[in-house]
């Protein structure tokens, strides 16, 4: 997988998690454990994106 494809894949997953967080936050009784898990995953992906070499 090329770096550009990997970055694109990670960015898409990051956006997907963002949507999941938004949906969970708008539930009548959001689950704090789910929100924490999603935030950690989102941060892990952001860190991975930032470690990718740039041109």
PDB file of N, CA and C in Angstrom:
ATOM      1  N   UNK A   1       0.854  -1.170   0.000  1.00  0.00           N
ATOM      2  CA  UNK A   1       0.000   0.000   0.000  1.00  0.00           C
ATOM      3  C   UNK A   1       0.900   1.233   0.000  1.00  0.00           C
ATOM      4  N   UNK A   2       0.615   2.168  -0.881  1.00  0.00           N
ATOM      5  CA  UNK A   2       1.421   3.383  -0.944  1.00  0.00           C
ATOM      6  C   UNK A   2       1.132   4.270   0.268  1.00  0.00           C
ATOM      7  N   UNK A   3       2.040   5.186   0.517  1.00  0.00           N
ATOM      8  CA  UNK A   3       1.851   6.102   1.644  1.00  0.00           C
ATOM      9  C   UNK A   3       0.601   6.942   1.469  1.00  0.00           C
ATOM     10  N   UNK A   4       0.340   7.369   0.231  1.00  0.00           N
ATOM     11  CA  UNK A   4      -0.847   8.184  -0.021  1.00  0.00           C
ATOM     12  C   UNK A   4      -2.113   7.391   0.239  1.00  0.00           C
ATOM     13  N   UNK A   5      -2.115   6.131  -0.162  1.00  0.00           N
ATOM     14  CA  UNK A   5      -3.279   5.277   0.073  1.00  0.00           C
ATOM     15  C   UNK A   5      -3.460   5.038   1.569  1.00  0.00           C
ATOM     16  N   UNK A   6      -2.358   4.827   2.272  1.00  0.00           N
ATOM     17  CA  UNK A   6      -2.435   4.610   3.725  1.00  0.00           C
ATOM     18  C   UNK A   6      -2.964   5.861   4.416  1.00  0.00           C
ATOM     19  N   UNK A   7      -2.458   7.024   4.032  1.00  0.00           N
ATOM     20  CA  UNK A   7      -2.915   8.278   4.626  1.00  0.00           C
ATOM     21  C   UNK A   7      -4.399   8.495   4.345  1.00  0.00           C
ATOM     22  N   UNK A   8      -4.812   8.186   3.135  1.00  0.00           N
ATOM     23  CA  UNK A   8      -6.220   8.331   2.769  1.00  0.00           C
ATOM     24  C   UNK A   8      -7.096   7.391   3.589  1.00  0.00           C
ATOM     25  N   UNK A   9      -6.652   6.163   3.728  1.00  0.00           N
ATOM     26  CA  UNK A   9      -7.390   5.172   4.509  1.00  0.00           C
ATOM     27  C   UNK A   9      -7.516   5.614   5.969  1.00  0.00           C
ATOM     28  N   UNK A  10      -6.425   6.093   6.528  1.00  0.00           N
ATOM     29  CA  UNK A  10      -6.452   6.554   7.917  1.00  0.00           C
ATOM     30  C   UNK A  10      -7.353   7.775   8.077  1.00  0.00           C
ATOM     31  N   UNK A  11      -7.298   8.686   7.119  1.00  0.00           N
ATOM     32  CA  UNK A  11      -8.148   9.877   7.177  1.00  0.00           C
ATOM     33  C   UNK A  11      -9.624   9.506   7.109  1.00  0.00           C
ATOM     34  N   UNK A  12      -9.940   8.534   6.270  1.00  0.00           N
ATOM     35  CA  UNK A  12     -11.329   8.081   6.168  1.00  0.00           C
ATOM     36  C   UNK A  12     -11.782   7.450   7.475  1.00  0.00           C
ATOM     37  N   UNK A  13     -10.924   6.638   8.082  1.00  0.00           N
ATOM     38  CA  UNK A  13     -11.275   6.005   9.360  1.00  0.00           C
ATOM     39  C   UNK A  13     -11.429   7.060  10.450  1.00  0.00           C
ATOM     40  N   UNK A  14     -10.565   8.078  10.437  1.00  0.00           N
ATOM     41  CA  UNK A  14     -10.634   9.175  11.404  1.00  0.00           C
ATOM     42  C   UNK A  14     -11.981   9.886  11.285  1.00  0.00           C
ATOM     43  N   UNK A  15     -12.403  10.167  10.062  1.00  0.00           N
ATOM     44  CA  UNK A  15     -13.692  10.829   9.829  1.00  0.00           C
ATOM     45  C   UNK A  15     -14.852   9.937  10.260  1.00  0.00           C
ATOM     46  N   UNK A  16     -14.726   8.649  10.010  1.00  0.00           N
ATOM     47  CA  UNK A  16     -15.766   7.701  10.403  1.00  0.00           C
ATOM     48  C   UNK A  16     -15.929   7.673  11.928  1.00  0.00           C
ATOM     49  N   UNK A  17     -14.820   7.657  12.628  1.00  0.00           N
ATOM     50  CA  UNK A  17     -14.872   7.663  14.093  1.00  0.00           C
ATOM     51  C   UNK A  17     -15.484   8.967  14.586  1.00  0.00           C
ATOM     52  N   UNK A  18     -15.168  10.062  13.923  1.00  0.00           N
ATOM     53  CA  UNK A  18     -15.745  11.353  14.285  1.00  0.00           C
ATOM     54  C   UNK A  18     -17.274  11.301  14.180  1.00  0.00           C
ATOM     55  N   UNK A  19     -17.777  10.686  13.110  1.00  0.00           N
ATOM     56  CA  UNK A  19     -19.232  10.545  12.944  1.00  0.00           C
ATOM     57  C   UNK A  19     -19.824   9.647  14.031  1.00  0.00           C
ATOM     58  N   UNK A  20     -19.110   8.569  14.367  1.00  0.00           N
ATOM     59  CA  UNK A  20     -19.578   7.675  15.433  1.00  0.00           C
ATOM     60  C   UNK A  20     -19.633   8.412  16.773  1.00  0.00           C
ATOM     61  N   UNK A  21     -18.623   9.226  17.047  1.00  0.00           N
ATOM     62  CA  UNK A  21     -18.613  10.016  18.277  1.00  0.00           C
ATOM     63  C   UNK A  21     -19.796  10.974  18.319  1.00  0.00           C
ATOM     64  N   UNK A  22     -20.046  11.633  17.213  1.00  0.00           N
ATOM     65  CA  UNK A  22     -21.162  12.577  17.119  1.00  0.00           C
ATOM     66  C   UNK A  22     -22.487  11.864  17.380  1.00  0.00           C
ATOM     67  N   UNK A  23     -22.661  10.702  16.777  1.00  0.00           N
ATOM     68  CA  UNK A  23     -23.897   9.935  16.963  1.00  0.00           C
ATOM     69  C   UNK A  23     -24.045   9.493  18.419  1.00  0.00           C
ATOM     70  N   UNK A  24     -22.968   9.018  19.006  1.00  0.00           N
ATOM     71  CA  UNK A  24     -23.022   8.567  20.405  1.00  0.00           C
ATOM     72  C   UNK A  24     -23.331   9.734  21.338  1.00  0.00           C
ATOM     73  N   UNK A  25     -22.745  10.883  21.076  1.00  0.00           N
ATOM     74  CA  UNK A  25     -22.957  12.053  21.930  1.00  0.00           C
ATOM     75  C   UNK A  25     -24.404  12.536  21.879  1.00  0.00           C
ATOM     76  N   UNK A  26     -25.091  12.285  20.771  1.00  0.00           N
ATOM     77  CA  UNK A  26     -26.472  12.750  20.623  1.00  0.00           C
ATOM     78  C   UNK A  26     -27.507  11.713  21.041  1.00  0.00           C
ATOM     79  N   UNK A  27     -27.066  10.573  21.519  1.00  0.00           N
ATOM     80  CA  UNK A  27     -28.005   9.581  22.047  1.00  0.00           C
ATOM     81  C   UNK A  27     -28.595  10.113  23.348  1.00  0.00           C
ATOM     82  N   UNK A  28     -29.793   9.657  23.705  1.00  0.00           N
ATOM     83  CA  UNK A  28     -30.397  10.118  24.968  1.00  0.00           C
ATOM     84  C   UNK A  28     -29.510   9.853  26.194  1.00  0.00           C
ATOM     85  N   UNK A  29     -28.841   8.699  26.217  1.00  0.00           N
ATOM     86  CA  UNK A  29     -27.926   8.391  27.325  1.00  0.00           C
ATOM     87  C   UNK A  29     -26.609   7.882  26.744  1.00  0.00           C
ATOM     88  N   UNK A  30     -25.726   8.800  26.343  1.00  0.00           N
ATOM     89  CA  UNK A  30     -24.449   8.374  25.754  1.00  0.00           C
ATOM     90  C   UNK A  30     -23.637   7.533  26.738  1.00  0.00           C
ATOM     91  N   UNK A  31     -22.967   6.542  26.209  1.00  0.00           N
ATOM     92  CA  UNK A  31     -22.144   5.647  27.024  1.00  0.00           C
ATOM     93  C   UNK A  31     -20.730   6.228  27.124  1.00  0.00           C
ATOM     94  N   UNK A  32     -20.333   6.664  28.313  1.00  0.00           N
ATOM     95  CA  UNK A  32     -18.996   7.256  28.465  1.00  0.00           C
ATOM     96  C   UNK A  32     -17.869   6.307  28.056  1.00  0.00           C
ATOM     97  N   UNK A  33     -18.047   5.015  28.269  1.00  0.00           N
ATOM     98  CA  UNK A  33     -17.007   4.048  27.898  1.00  0.00           C
ATOM     99  C   UNK A  33     -16.835   3.995  26.384  1.00  0.00           C
ATOM    100  N   UNK A  34     -17.935   4.046  25.656  1.00  0.00           N
ATOM    101  CA  UNK A  34     -17.874   4.033  24.188  1.00  0.00           C
ATOM    102  C   UNK A  34     -17.211   5.312  23.691  1.00  0.00           C
ATOM    103  N   UNK A  35     -17.595   6.435  24.266  1.00  0.00           N
ATOM    104  CA  UNK A  35     -17.010   7.720  23.863  1.00  0.00           C
ATOM    105  C   UNK A  35     -15.505   7.724  24.117  1.00  0.00           C
ATOM    106  N   UNK A  36     -15.093   7.240  25.270  1.00  0.00           N
ATOM    107  CA  UNK A  36     -13.663   7.179  25.598  1.00  0.00           C
ATOM    108  C   UNK A  36     -12.918   6.285  24.618  1.00  0.00           C
ATOM    109  N   UNK A  37     -13.493   5.119  24.325  1.00  0.00           N
ATOM    110  CA  UNK A  37     -12.859   4.186  23.384  1.00  0.00           C
ATOM    111  C   UNK A  37     -12.702   4.827  22.006  1.00  0.00           C
ATOM    112  N   UNK A  38     -13.755   5.488  21.534  1.00  0.00           N
ATOM    113  CA  UNK A  38     -13.703   6.120  20.217  1.00  0.00           C
ATOM    114  C   UNK A  38     -12.690   7.264  20.191  1.00  0.00           C
ATOM    115  N   UNK A  39     -12.638   8.047  21.243  1.00  0.00           N
ATOM    116  CA  UNK A  39     -11.677   9.155  21.299  1.00  0.00           C
ATOM    117  C   UNK A  39     -10.239   8.641  21.288  1.00  0.00           C
ATOM    118  N   UNK A  40      -9.997   7.562  22.012  1.00  0.00           N
ATOM    119  CA  UNK A  40      -8.641   6.982  22.020  1.00  0.00           C
ATOM    120  C   UNK A  40      -8.255   6.463  20.641  1.00  0.00           C
ATOM    121  N   UNK A  41      -9.197   5.800  19.982  1.00  0.00           N
ATOM    122  CA  UNK A  41      -8.932   5.276  18.636  1.00  0.00           C
ATOM    123  C   UNK A  41      -8.676   6.426  17.663  1.00  0.00           C
ATOM    124  N   UNK A  42      -9.470   7.475  17.775  1.00  0.00           N
ATOM    125  CA  UNK A  42      -9.305   8.641  16.901  1.00  0.00           C
ATOM    126  C   UNK A  42      -7.927   9.280  17.115  1.00  0.00           C
ATOM    127  N   UNK A  43      -7.506   9.397  18.363  1.00  0.00           N
ATOM    128  CA  UNK A  43      -6.191   9.966  18.665  1.00  0.00           C
ATOM    129  C   UNK A  43      -5.070   9.067  18.148  1.00  0.00           C
ATOM    130  N   UNK A  44      -5.236   7.749  18.285  1.00  0.00           N
ATOM    131  CA  UNK A  44      -4.228   6.810  17.788  1.00  0.00           C
ATOM    132  C   UNK A  44      -4.058   6.970  16.279  1.00  0.00           C
ATOM    133  N   UNK A  45      -5.171   7.113  15.579  1.00  0.00           N
ATOM    134  CA  UNK A  45      -5.117   7.279  14.127  1.00  0.00           C
ATOM    135  C   UNK A  45      -4.474   8.617  13.771  1.00  0.00           C
ATOM    136  N   UNK A  46      -4.838   9.669  14.500  1.00  0.00           N
ATOM    137  CA  UNK A  46      -4.241  10.986  14.245  1.00  0.00           C
ATOM    138  C   UNK A  46      -2.724  10.929  14.433  1.00  0.00           C
ATOM    139  N   UNK A  47      -2.287  10.251  15.489  1.00  0.00           N
ATOM    140  CA  UNK A  47      -0.849  10.099  15.731  1.00  0.00           C
ATOM    141  C   UNK A  47      -0.177   9.321  14.602  1.00  0.00           C
ATOM    142  N   UNK A  48      -0.839   8.277  14.135  1.00  0.00           N
ATOM    143  CA  UNK A  48      -0.276   7.484  13.040  1.00  0.00           C
ATOM    144  C   UNK A  48      -0.167   8.318  11.764  1.00  0.00           C
ATOM    145  N   UNK A  49      -1.182   9.124  11.490  1.00  0.00           N
ATOM    146  CA  UNK A  49      -1.147  10.005  10.313  1.00  0.00           C
ATOM    147  C   UNK A  49       0.023  10.981  10.438  1.00  0.00           C
ATOM    148  N   UNK A  50       0.214  11.536  11.625  1.00  0.00           N
ATOM    149  CA  UNK A  50       1.283  12.526  11.803  1.00  0.00           C
ATOM    150  C   UNK A  50       2.675  11.905  11.684  1.00  0.00           C
ATOM    151  N   UNK A  51       2.791  10.593  11.919  1.00  0.00           N
ATOM    152  CA  UNK A  51       4.092   9.918  11.809  1.00  0.00           C
ATOM    153  C   UNK A  51       4.427   9.493  10.383  1.00  0.00           C
ATOM    154  N   UNK A  52       3.447   9.554   9.493  1.00  0.00           N
ATOM    155  CA  UNK A  52       3.724   9.177   8.106  1.00  0.00           C
ATOM    156  C   UNK A  52       4.706  10.176   7.498  1.00  0.00           C
ATOM    157  N   UNK A  53       5.671   9.676   6.760  1.00  0.00           N
ATOM    158  CA  UNK A  53       6.620  10.597   6.121  1.00  0.00           C
ATOM    159  C   UNK A  53       5.915  11.457   5.071  1.00  0.00           C
ATOM    160  N   UNK A  54       6.351  12.692   4.979  1.00  0.00           N
ATOM    161  CA  UNK A  54       5.804  13.591   3.963  1.00  0.00           C
ATOM    162  C   UNK A  54       6.783  13.685   2.807  1.00  0.00           C
ATOM    163  N   UNK A  55       6.308  14.189   1.713  1.00  0.00           N
ATOM    164  CA  UNK A  55       7.146  14.287   0.503  1.00  0.00           C
ATOM    165  C   UNK A  55       8.303  15.131   0.820  1.00  0.00           C
TER     166      UNK A  55
END
